[in-house]
Amino acid sequence: MALVGALLFAFVGYVVMGSALMQRRSQTLLLAQFRAQLSAHHDDAARAASGSDGQSGLLGGGGSTATTSTFDAAPPRAPVGSPVALLQIPRIGSNLVVVEGVGIDQLRDGPGHARNTVMPGQPGNTGIAGARLANGAPFRHLDSLRNGDLIVATTLQGAFRYEVARVAVVHHGD
């Protein structure tokens, strides 16, 4: 019985503490990767706007004055496991990199974006899942949010501000 108890205690310790250390390391690596993506994206946008790619006009179309908003166009799908957003929730002190996908492997690294939902900033509903106990518990204090609290999601297309309208418990499978 003592051995079973010790094994159970060790398992719970790993789920809560060990997985948190692994998730923290993953978040550090993902943040560096996401910052590099942001930097490259902004460099590309600056080159396109200045015409330094040898083409003229805002969109490089031979003097075209047409403009498009990158906020209107859906971004291309990111590979599963790659960083897609930085999620900031000031009320609970969260500053998390969101990865594409909500499988076990992705949620081990942090919150995941549900592939069957739109990206933050796009019209429609965005789904982001995360653990409340294991894997660093990125959403442990999510129930502390109140109506009117701010959530900021930064993607390659910009920073999008959301305001909490309602807090509710959603059970697995709902």
N, C-alpha and C. Protein backbone atom coordinates (compact mmCIF):
# COMPACT_ATOMS: atom_id res chain seq x y z
N MET A 1 0.82 -1.20 0.00
CA MET A 1 0.00 0.00 0.00
C MET A 1 0.86 1.26 0.00
N ALA A 2 1.95 1.20 0.78
CA ALA A 2 2.83 2.36 0.84
C ALA A 2 3.46 2.63 -0.52
N LEU A 3 3.83 1.58 -1.24
CA LEU A 3 4.43 1.75 -2.57
C LEU A 3 3.42 2.35 -3.55
N VAL A 4 2.18 1.87 -3.51
CA VAL A 4 1.13 2.42 -4.37
C VAL A 4 0.90 3.89 -4.04
N GLY A 5 0.86 4.21 -2.77
CA GLY A 5 0.68 5.60 -2.34
C GLY A 5 1.82 6.48 -2.81
N ALA A 6 3.05 5.98 -2.70
CA ALA A 6 4.22 6.75 -3.13
C ALA A 6 4.19 6.96 -4.65
N LEU A 7 3.82 5.92 -5.39
CA LEU A 7 3.73 6.06 -6.85
C LEU A 7 2.64 7.06 -7.24
N LEU A 8 1.51 7.00 -6.58
CA LEU A 8 0.43 7.93 -6.86
C LEU A 8 0.86 9.36 -6.55
N PHE A 9 1.53 9.55 -5.42
CA PHE A 9 2.02 10.87 -5.03
C PHE A 9 3.03 11.38 -6.06
N ALA A 10 3.93 10.50 -6.53
CA ALA A 10 4.93 10.89 -7.53
C ALA A 10 4.26 11.26 -8.84
N PHE A 11 3.24 10.51 -9.24
CA PHE A 11 2.53 10.81 -10.47
C PHE A 11 1.85 12.17 -10.40
N VAL A 12 1.14 12.43 -9.32
CA VAL A 12 0.46 13.71 -9.16
C VAL A 12 1.50 14.84 -9.13
N GLY A 13 2.62 14.61 -8.46
CA GLY A 13 3.68 15.62 -8.43
C GLY A 13 4.20 15.93 -9.82
N TYR A 14 4.37 14.89 -10.64
CA TYR A 14 4.81 15.10 -12.01
C TYR A 14 3.77 15.89 -12.80
N VAL A 15 2.50 15.48 -12.70
CA VAL A 15 1.44 16.14 -13.48
C VAL A 15 1.38 17.62 -13.13
N VAL A 16 1.49 17.95 -11.86
CA VAL A 16 1.35 19.34 -11.43
C VAL A 16 2.66 20.10 -11.57
N MET A 17 3.76 19.56 -11.05
CA MET A 17 5.03 20.30 -11.00
C MET A 17 5.92 20.02 -12.22
N GLY A 18 6.14 18.76 -12.53
CA GLY A 18 7.04 18.42 -13.63
C GLY A 18 6.55 18.93 -14.96
N SER A 19 5.26 18.78 -15.21
CA SER A 19 4.73 19.24 -16.49
C SER A 19 4.77 20.76 -16.58
N ALA A 20 4.70 21.43 -15.44
CA ALA A 20 4.80 22.90 -15.43
C ALA A 20 6.19 23.35 -15.87
N LEU A 21 7.22 22.65 -15.44
CA LEU A 21 8.58 23.00 -15.85
C LEU A 21 8.77 22.78 -17.34
N MET A 22 8.23 21.68 -17.85
CA MET A 22 8.34 21.40 -19.28
C MET A 22 7.57 22.43 -20.10
N GLN A 23 6.39 22.81 -19.62
CA GLN A 23 5.59 23.80 -20.34
C GLN A 23 6.27 25.17 -20.31
N ARG A 24 6.89 25.53 -19.21
CA ARG A 24 7.58 26.81 -19.11
C ARG A 24 8.73 26.87 -20.13
N ARG A 25 9.47 25.76 -20.25
CA ARG A 25 10.55 25.70 -21.23
C ARG A 25 9.99 25.82 -22.64
N SER A 26 8.91 25.10 -22.94
CA SER A 26 8.28 25.18 -24.26
C SER A 26 7.82 26.59 -24.56
N GLN A 27 7.23 27.26 -23.58
CA GLN A 27 6.74 28.62 -23.78
C GLN A 27 7.90 29.58 -24.10
N THR A 28 9.03 29.39 -23.44
CA THR A 28 10.20 30.24 -23.70
C THR A 28 10.66 30.06 -25.15
N LEU A 29 10.75 28.82 -25.60
CA LEU A 29 11.16 28.54 -26.98
C LEU A 29 10.12 29.06 -27.99
N LEU A 30 8.85 28.85 -27.69
CA LEU A 30 7.79 29.30 -28.59
C LEU A 30 7.74 30.82 -28.67
N LEU A 31 7.99 31.51 -27.56
CA LEU A 31 7.99 32.97 -27.57
C LEU A 31 9.10 33.49 -28.48
N ALA A 32 10.27 32.91 -28.39
CA ALA A 32 11.37 33.33 -29.26
C ALA A 32 11.01 33.08 -30.72
N GLN A 33 10.39 31.94 -31.00
CA GLN A 33 9.98 31.61 -32.37
C GLN A 33 8.91 32.58 -32.86
N PHE A 34 7.94 32.90 -32.01
CA PHE A 34 6.86 33.80 -32.41
C PHE A 34 7.40 35.22 -32.64
N ARG A 35 8.31 35.68 -31.79
CA ARG A 35 8.91 37.01 -31.98
C ARG A 35 9.67 37.07 -33.30
N ALA A 36 10.37 35.99 -33.65
CA ALA A 36 11.08 35.94 -34.93
C ALA A 36 10.08 36.01 -36.09
N GLN A 37 8.95 35.32 -35.97
CA GLN A 37 7.92 35.37 -37.01
C GLN A 37 7.37 36.79 -37.14
N LEU A 38 7.09 37.45 -36.00
CA LEU A 38 6.58 38.82 -36.03
C LEU A 38 7.57 39.76 -36.70
N SER A 39 8.83 39.61 -36.34
CA SER A 39 9.87 40.47 -36.90
C SER A 39 9.97 40.27 -38.41
N ALA A 40 9.99 39.03 -38.85
CA ALA A 40 10.07 38.74 -40.28
C ALA A 40 8.84 39.26 -41.01
N HIS A 41 7.67 39.10 -40.41
CA HIS A 41 6.43 39.57 -41.03
C HIS A 41 6.45 41.09 -41.17
N HIS A 42 6.88 41.79 -40.13
CA HIS A 42 6.93 43.25 -40.20
C HIS A 42 7.99 43.73 -41.19
N ASP A 43 9.11 43.03 -41.28
CA ASP A 43 10.14 43.38 -42.27
C ASP A 43 9.59 43.22 -43.68
N ASP A 44 8.87 42.13 -43.93
CA ASP A 44 8.28 41.89 -45.25
C ASP A 44 7.25 42.97 -45.58
N ALA A 45 6.43 43.33 -44.59
CA ALA A 45 5.41 44.36 -44.81
C ALA A 45 6.05 45.71 -45.09
N ALA A 46 7.13 46.03 -44.38
CA ALA A 46 7.82 47.31 -44.59
C ALA A 46 8.45 47.35 -45.98
N ARG A 47 9.05 46.24 -46.41
CA ARG A 47 9.64 46.20 -47.75
C ARG A 47 8.56 46.37 -48.81
N ALA A 48 7.43 45.71 -48.63
CA ALA A 48 6.35 45.81 -49.61
C ALA A 48 5.80 47.23 -49.67
N ALA A 49 5.67 47.87 -48.52
CA ALA A 49 5.12 49.23 -48.47
C ALA A 49 6.08 50.24 -49.08
N SER A 50 7.39 50.02 -48.92
CA SER A 50 8.36 50.98 -49.44
C SER A 50 8.71 50.71 -50.89
N GLY A 51 8.31 49.56 -51.40
CA GLY A 51 8.61 49.22 -52.77
C GLY A 51 10.04 48.77 -52.97
N SER A 52 10.75 48.43 -51.89
CA SER A 52 12.15 48.04 -52.00
C SER A 52 12.33 46.67 -52.65
N ASP A 53 11.24 46.01 -52.95
CA ASP A 53 11.34 44.73 -53.63
C ASP A 53 11.37 44.90 -55.15
N GLY A 54 11.52 46.16 -55.59
CA GLY A 54 11.61 46.43 -57.01
C GLY A 54 10.27 46.70 -57.66
N GLN A 55 9.19 46.61 -56.93
CA GLN A 55 7.87 46.87 -57.47
C GLN A 55 7.36 48.14 -56.83
N SER A 56 6.48 48.83 -57.53
CA SER A 56 5.96 50.07 -56.99
C SER A 56 4.54 49.87 -56.50
N GLY A 57 4.09 50.83 -55.73
CA GLY A 57 2.73 50.77 -55.20
C GLY A 57 2.69 50.00 -53.89
N LEU A 58 1.66 50.22 -53.13
CA LEU A 58 1.51 49.60 -51.82
C LEU A 58 1.56 48.09 -51.91
N LEU A 59 0.93 47.53 -52.92
CA LEU A 59 0.88 46.08 -53.05
C LEU A 59 1.87 45.56 -54.09
N GLY A 60 2.74 46.44 -54.59
CA GLY A 60 3.74 46.01 -55.55
C GLY A 60 3.17 45.77 -56.93
N GLY A 61 2.08 46.40 -57.26
CA GLY A 61 1.40 46.12 -58.52
C GLY A 61 1.55 47.21 -59.55
N GLY A 62 2.76 47.68 -59.81
CA GLY A 62 2.97 48.65 -60.89
C GLY A 62 2.22 49.94 -60.69
N GLY A 63 2.30 50.53 -59.51
CA GLY A 63 1.68 51.81 -59.25
C GLY A 63 0.24 51.71 -58.80
N SER A 64 -0.24 50.55 -58.53
CA SER A 64 -1.62 50.36 -58.09
C SER A 64 -1.85 51.11 -56.79
N THR A 65 -3.00 51.74 -56.67
CA THR A 65 -3.34 52.43 -55.43
C THR A 65 -4.33 51.62 -54.61
N ALA A 66 -4.62 50.40 -55.05
CA ALA A 66 -5.54 49.55 -54.32
C ALA A 66 -4.92 49.16 -52.98
N THR A 67 -5.75 49.09 -51.97
CA THR A 67 -5.28 48.67 -50.67
C THR A 67 -6.13 47.52 -50.17
N THR A 68 -5.52 46.71 -49.35
CA THR A 68 -6.27 45.66 -48.68
C THR A 68 -5.93 45.70 -47.22
N SER A 69 -6.81 45.24 -46.40
CA SER A 69 -6.56 45.15 -44.97
C SER A 69 -6.23 43.72 -44.62
N THR A 70 -5.07 43.51 -44.02
CA THR A 70 -4.72 42.15 -43.65
C THR A 70 -5.64 41.63 -42.57
N PHE A 71 -6.39 42.51 -41.94
CA PHE A 71 -7.31 42.08 -40.90
C PHE A 71 -8.54 41.42 -41.50
N ASP A 72 -8.85 41.72 -42.75
CA ASP A 72 -10.03 41.16 -43.38
C ASP A 72 -9.75 39.78 -43.97
N ALA A 73 -8.56 39.56 -44.44
CA ALA A 73 -8.22 38.29 -45.09
C ALA A 73 -7.81 37.27 -44.04
N ALA A 74 -8.34 36.07 -44.17
CA ALA A 74 -7.98 35.02 -43.23
C ALA A 74 -6.53 34.63 -43.46
N PRO A 75 -5.75 34.52 -42.39
CA PRO A 75 -4.35 34.12 -42.56
C PRO A 75 -4.26 32.66 -42.97
N PRO A 76 -3.15 32.28 -43.60
CA PRO A 76 -2.99 30.87 -43.96
C PRO A 76 -2.89 30.02 -42.69
N ARG A 77 -3.32 28.78 -42.80
CA ARG A 77 -3.26 27.86 -41.66
C ARG A 77 -1.82 27.59 -41.28
N ALA A 78 -1.54 27.69 -40.01
CA ALA A 78 -0.20 27.39 -39.50
C ALA A 78 -0.07 25.89 -39.27
N PRO A 79 1.14 25.37 -39.35
CA PRO A 79 1.33 23.94 -39.05
C PRO A 79 0.98 23.63 -37.59
N VAL A 80 0.46 22.46 -37.34
CA VAL A 80 0.12 22.05 -35.98
C VAL A 80 1.37 22.13 -35.10
N GLY A 81 1.20 22.74 -33.93
CA GLY A 81 2.30 22.86 -32.98
C GLY A 81 3.09 24.15 -33.09
N SER A 82 2.87 24.92 -34.15
CA SER A 82 3.62 26.16 -34.30
C SER A 82 2.91 27.31 -33.58
N PRO A 83 3.65 28.33 -33.15
CA PRO A 83 3.03 29.45 -32.44
C PRO A 83 2.18 30.28 -33.40
N VAL A 84 0.98 30.66 -32.95
CA VAL A 84 0.08 31.45 -33.80
C VAL A 84 -0.36 32.76 -33.15
N ALA A 85 -0.19 32.88 -31.84
CA ALA A 85 -0.64 34.09 -31.17
C ALA A 85 0.03 34.22 -29.81
N LEU A 86 0.05 35.44 -29.33
CA LEU A 86 0.46 35.73 -27.96
C LEU A 86 -0.80 36.19 -27.24
N LEU A 87 -1.16 35.51 -26.18
CA LEU A 87 -2.38 35.79 -25.44
C LEU A 87 -2.03 36.44 -24.11
N GLN A 88 -2.51 37.67 -23.91
CA GLN A 88 -2.25 38.40 -22.68
C GLN A 88 -3.57 38.62 -21.94
N ILE A 89 -3.59 38.19 -20.67
CA ILE A 89 -4.78 38.35 -19.83
C ILE A 89 -4.30 39.03 -18.54
N PRO A 90 -4.32 40.36 -18.50
CA PRO A 90 -3.77 41.08 -17.35
C PRO A 90 -4.38 40.70 -16.00
N ARG A 91 -5.67 40.47 -15.93
CA ARG A 91 -6.33 40.15 -14.65
C ARG A 91 -5.67 38.97 -13.94
N ILE A 92 -5.27 37.96 -14.72
CA ILE A 92 -4.68 36.77 -14.09
C ILE A 92 -3.16 36.67 -14.34
N GLY A 93 -2.58 37.73 -14.90
CA GLY A 93 -1.14 37.77 -15.10
C GLY A 93 -0.63 36.79 -16.14
N SER A 94 -1.44 36.49 -17.13
CA SER A 94 -1.05 35.52 -18.16
C SER A 94 -0.45 36.22 -19.37
N ASN A 95 0.63 35.67 -19.86
CA ASN A 95 1.29 36.11 -21.07
C ASN A 95 1.75 34.82 -21.74
N LEU A 96 0.92 34.27 -22.61
CA LEU A 96 1.10 32.91 -23.11
C LEU A 96 1.17 32.86 -24.63
N VAL A 97 2.02 31.99 -25.14
CA VAL A 97 2.07 31.73 -26.56
C VAL A 97 1.05 30.63 -26.86
N VAL A 98 0.20 30.88 -27.83
CA VAL A 98 -0.82 29.92 -28.26
C VAL A 98 -0.27 29.17 -29.47
N VAL A 99 -0.37 27.85 -29.42
CA VAL A 99 0.08 27.02 -30.55
C VAL A 99 -1.12 26.57 -31.37
N GLU A 100 -0.86 26.17 -32.60
CA GLU A 100 -1.92 25.67 -33.47
C GLU A 100 -2.23 24.23 -33.10
N GLY A 101 -3.49 23.95 -32.80
CA GLY A 101 -3.94 22.60 -32.47
C GLY A 101 -4.23 22.44 -30.99
N VAL A 102 -5.13 21.50 -30.69
CA VAL A 102 -5.53 21.26 -29.30
C VAL A 102 -5.35 19.79 -28.90
N GLY A 103 -4.45 19.11 -29.57
CA GLY A 103 -4.15 17.72 -29.21
C GLY A 103 -3.29 17.69 -27.95
N ILE A 104 -3.09 16.49 -27.43
CA ILE A 104 -2.31 16.31 -26.20
C ILE A 104 -0.92 16.92 -26.34
N ASP A 105 -0.26 16.68 -27.47
CA ASP A 105 1.09 17.20 -27.67
C ASP A 105 1.12 18.72 -27.69
N GLN A 106 0.12 19.34 -28.32
CA GLN A 106 0.09 20.79 -28.39
C GLN A 106 -0.22 21.41 -27.02
N LEU A 107 -1.20 20.85 -26.31
CA LEU A 107 -1.57 21.43 -25.02
C LEU A 107 -0.48 21.23 -23.97
N ARG A 108 0.44 20.33 -24.21
CA ARG A 108 1.58 20.14 -23.33
C ARG A 108 2.49 21.39 -23.39
N ASP A 109 2.48 22.08 -24.54
CA ASP A 109 3.31 23.27 -24.72
C ASP A 109 2.64 24.55 -24.25
N GLY A 110 1.34 24.54 -24.07
CA GLY A 110 0.60 25.73 -23.65
C GLY A 110 -0.79 25.71 -24.26
N PRO A 111 -1.47 26.85 -24.24
CA PRO A 111 -2.81 26.91 -24.83
C PRO A 111 -2.75 26.60 -26.32
N GLY A 112 -3.84 26.02 -26.84
CA GLY A 112 -3.89 25.67 -28.25
C GLY A 112 -5.09 26.28 -28.94
N HIS A 113 -4.90 26.65 -30.21
CA HIS A 113 -5.97 27.20 -31.03
C HIS A 113 -6.68 26.04 -31.72
N ALA A 114 -7.99 25.97 -31.57
CA ALA A 114 -8.79 24.93 -32.22
C ALA A 114 -8.83 25.20 -33.73
N ARG A 115 -8.35 24.25 -34.49
CA ARG A 115 -8.23 24.43 -35.94
C ARG A 115 -9.56 24.61 -36.65
N ASN A 116 -10.65 24.20 -36.04
CA ASN A 116 -11.96 24.36 -36.68
C ASN A 116 -12.60 25.70 -36.35
N THR A 117 -11.83 26.62 -35.76
CA THR A 117 -12.33 27.96 -35.46
C THR A 117 -11.43 28.98 -36.16
N VAL A 118 -11.92 30.21 -36.26
CA VAL A 118 -11.14 31.26 -36.92
C VAL A 118 -10.01 31.73 -36.01
N MET A 119 -9.02 32.35 -36.61
CA MET A 119 -7.92 32.93 -35.84
C MET A 119 -8.41 34.18 -35.13
N PRO A 120 -7.77 34.54 -34.01
CA PRO A 120 -8.13 35.80 -33.35
C PRO A 120 -8.06 36.96 -34.36
N GLY A 121 -9.04 37.84 -34.27
CA GLY A 121 -9.10 39.00 -35.16
C GLY A 121 -9.94 38.78 -36.40
N GLN A 122 -10.29 37.53 -36.68
CA GLN A 122 -11.10 37.24 -37.85
C GLN A 122 -12.57 37.18 -37.43
N PRO A 123 -13.48 37.45 -38.35
CA PRO A 123 -14.90 37.36 -38.01
C PRO A 123 -15.28 35.93 -37.61
N GLY A 124 -16.02 35.79 -36.54
CA GLY A 124 -16.45 34.48 -36.06
C GLY A 124 -15.91 34.19 -34.68
N ASN A 125 -16.06 32.96 -34.26
CA ASN A 125 -15.62 32.55 -32.93
C ASN A 125 -14.26 31.89 -32.98
N THR A 126 -13.40 32.31 -32.07
CA THR A 126 -12.07 31.72 -31.91
C THR A 126 -12.11 30.79 -30.72
N GLY A 127 -11.56 29.60 -30.87
CA GLY A 127 -11.50 28.65 -29.76
C GLY A 127 -10.06 28.45 -29.32
N ILE A 128 -9.80 28.70 -28.04
CA ILE A 128 -8.48 28.48 -27.47
C ILE A 128 -8.67 27.62 -26.23
N ALA A 129 -7.97 26.48 -26.19
CA ALA A 129 -8.09 25.54 -25.08
C ALA A 129 -6.79 25.52 -24.29
N GLY A 130 -6.91 25.24 -23.01
CA GLY A 130 -5.74 25.12 -22.15
C GLY A 130 -6.10 24.40 -20.87
N ALA A 131 -5.08 23.89 -20.21
CA ALA A 131 -5.29 23.13 -18.99
C ALA A 131 -5.47 24.05 -17.78
N ARG A 132 -6.18 23.55 -16.78
CA ARG A 132 -6.35 24.29 -15.54
C ARG A 132 -5.56 23.68 -14.40
N LEU A 133 -5.00 22.48 -14.59
CA LEU A 133 -4.22 21.84 -13.54
C LEU A 133 -2.86 21.38 -14.05
N ALA A 134 -2.85 20.60 -15.10
CA ALA A 134 -1.59 20.04 -15.62
C ALA A 134 -0.96 20.98 -16.64
N ASN A 135 0.21 20.57 -17.12
CA ASN A 135 0.91 21.29 -18.19
C ASN A 135 1.10 22.78 -17.90
N GLY A 136 1.46 23.09 -16.70
CA GLY A 136 1.69 24.48 -16.33
C GLY A 136 0.44 25.25 -15.96
N ALA A 137 -0.71 24.63 -16.12
CA ALA A 137 -1.99 25.22 -15.76
C ALA A 137 -2.14 26.66 -16.27
N PRO A 138 -2.02 26.87 -17.59
CA PRO A 138 -2.10 28.24 -18.09
C PRO A 138 -3.44 28.93 -17.81
N PHE A 139 -4.49 28.14 -17.64
CA PHE A 139 -5.81 28.72 -17.38
C PHE A 139 -6.32 28.43 -15.97
N ARG A 140 -5.40 28.20 -15.04
CA ARG A 140 -5.78 27.89 -13.66
C ARG A 140 -6.72 28.94 -13.06
N HIS A 141 -6.45 30.20 -13.31
CA HIS A 141 -7.22 31.27 -12.68
C HIS A 141 -8.22 31.93 -13.63
N LEU A 142 -8.57 31.25 -14.68
CA LEU A 142 -9.51 31.81 -15.66
C LEU A 142 -10.85 32.18 -15.03
N ASP A 143 -11.24 31.44 -13.99
CA ASP A 143 -12.52 31.74 -13.34
C ASP A 143 -12.46 33.04 -12.54
N SER A 144 -11.28 33.66 -12.43
CA SER A 144 -11.15 34.95 -11.74
C SER A 144 -11.51 36.12 -12.64
N LEU A 145 -11.70 35.85 -13.93
CA LEU A 145 -12.05 36.94 -14.85
C LEU A 145 -13.43 37.48 -14.52
N ARG A 146 -13.61 38.75 -14.80
CA ARG A 146 -14.88 39.43 -14.56
C ARG A 146 -15.34 40.11 -15.84
N ASN A 147 -16.62 40.39 -15.93
CA ASN A 147 -17.13 41.13 -17.07
C ASN A 147 -16.35 42.43 -17.22
N GLY A 148 -15.96 42.70 -18.46
CA GLY A 148 -15.22 43.92 -18.76
C GLY A 148 -13.70 43.75 -18.74
N ASP A 149 -13.19 42.62 -18.24
CA ASP A 149 -11.73 42.40 -18.23
C ASP A 149 -11.21 42.33 -19.67
N LEU A 150 -9.97 42.74 -19.82
CA LEU A 150 -9.32 42.80 -21.13
C LEU A 150 -8.55 41.52 -21.43
N ILE A 151 -8.63 41.08 -22.67
CA ILE A 151 -7.81 40.00 -23.20
C ILE A 151 -7.26 40.51 -24.52
N VAL A 152 -5.94 40.40 -24.72
CA VAL A 152 -5.32 40.84 -25.96
C VAL A 152 -4.68 39.63 -26.63
N ALA A 153 -5.02 39.43 -27.89
CA ALA A 153 -4.43 38.37 -28.70
C ALA A 153 -3.65 39.02 -29.82
N THR A 154 -2.35 38.76 -29.86
CA THR A 154 -1.50 39.31 -30.91
C THR A 154 -1.14 38.20 -31.88
N THR A 155 -1.44 38.44 -33.15
CA THR A 155 -1.10 37.49 -34.22
C THR A 155 -0.21 38.22 -35.21
N LEU A 156 0.15 37.56 -36.29
CA LEU A 156 0.94 38.22 -37.32
C LEU A 156 0.16 39.34 -37.99
N GLN A 157 -1.15 39.35 -37.82
CA GLN A 157 -1.99 40.37 -38.44
C GLN A 157 -2.26 41.56 -37.54
N GLY A 158 -1.82 41.52 -36.31
CA GLY A 158 -2.01 42.65 -35.41
C GLY A 158 -2.42 42.20 -34.02
N ALA A 159 -2.70 43.20 -33.18
CA ALA A 159 -3.14 42.94 -31.81
C ALA A 159 -4.65 43.19 -31.75
N PHE A 160 -5.35 42.26 -31.16
CA PHE A 160 -6.81 42.33 -31.09
C PHE A 160 -7.25 42.33 -29.64
N ARG A 161 -8.03 43.32 -29.29
CA ARG A 161 -8.50 43.49 -27.91
C ARG A 161 -9.90 42.89 -27.77
N TYR A 162 -10.05 42.09 -26.73
CA TYR A 162 -11.34 41.49 -26.43
C TYR A 162 -11.73 41.88 -25.01
N GLU A 163 -13.02 41.97 -24.78
CA GLU A 163 -13.53 42.27 -23.46
C GLU A 163 -14.40 41.10 -23.01
N VAL A 164 -14.15 40.65 -21.78
CA VAL A 164 -14.93 39.53 -21.25
C VAL A 164 -16.38 39.98 -21.09
N ALA A 165 -17.28 39.23 -21.68
CA ALA A 165 -18.71 39.53 -21.60
C ALA A 165 -19.42 38.60 -20.63
N ARG A 166 -18.88 37.38 -20.46
CA ARG A 166 -19.53 36.41 -19.59
C ARG A 166 -18.51 35.36 -19.20
N VAL A 167 -18.58 34.92 -17.95
CA VAL A 167 -17.72 33.85 -17.46
C VAL A 167 -18.61 32.66 -17.12
N ALA A 168 -18.27 31.49 -17.68
CA ALA A 168 -19.06 30.27 -17.42
C ALA A 168 -18.14 29.08 -17.45
N VAL A 169 -18.52 28.04 -16.74
CA VAL A 169 -17.77 26.78 -16.75
C VAL A 169 -18.26 25.94 -17.91
N VAL A 170 -17.32 25.47 -18.74
CA VAL A 170 -17.64 24.60 -19.86
C VAL A 170 -16.94 23.28 -19.57
N HIS A 171 -17.71 22.23 -19.52
CA HIS A 171 -17.17 20.92 -19.21
C HIS A 171 -16.61 20.23 -20.45
N HIS A 172 -15.69 19.33 -20.24
CA HIS A 172 -15.07 18.59 -21.34
C HIS A 172 -16.14 17.99 -22.24
N GLY A 173 -15.99 18.21 -23.51
CA GLY A 173 -16.95 17.69 -24.48
C GLY A 173 -18.04 18.67 -24.85
N ASP A 174 -18.19 19.75 -24.08
CA ASP A 174 -19.20 20.77 -24.41
C ASP A 174 -18.65 21.78 -25.39
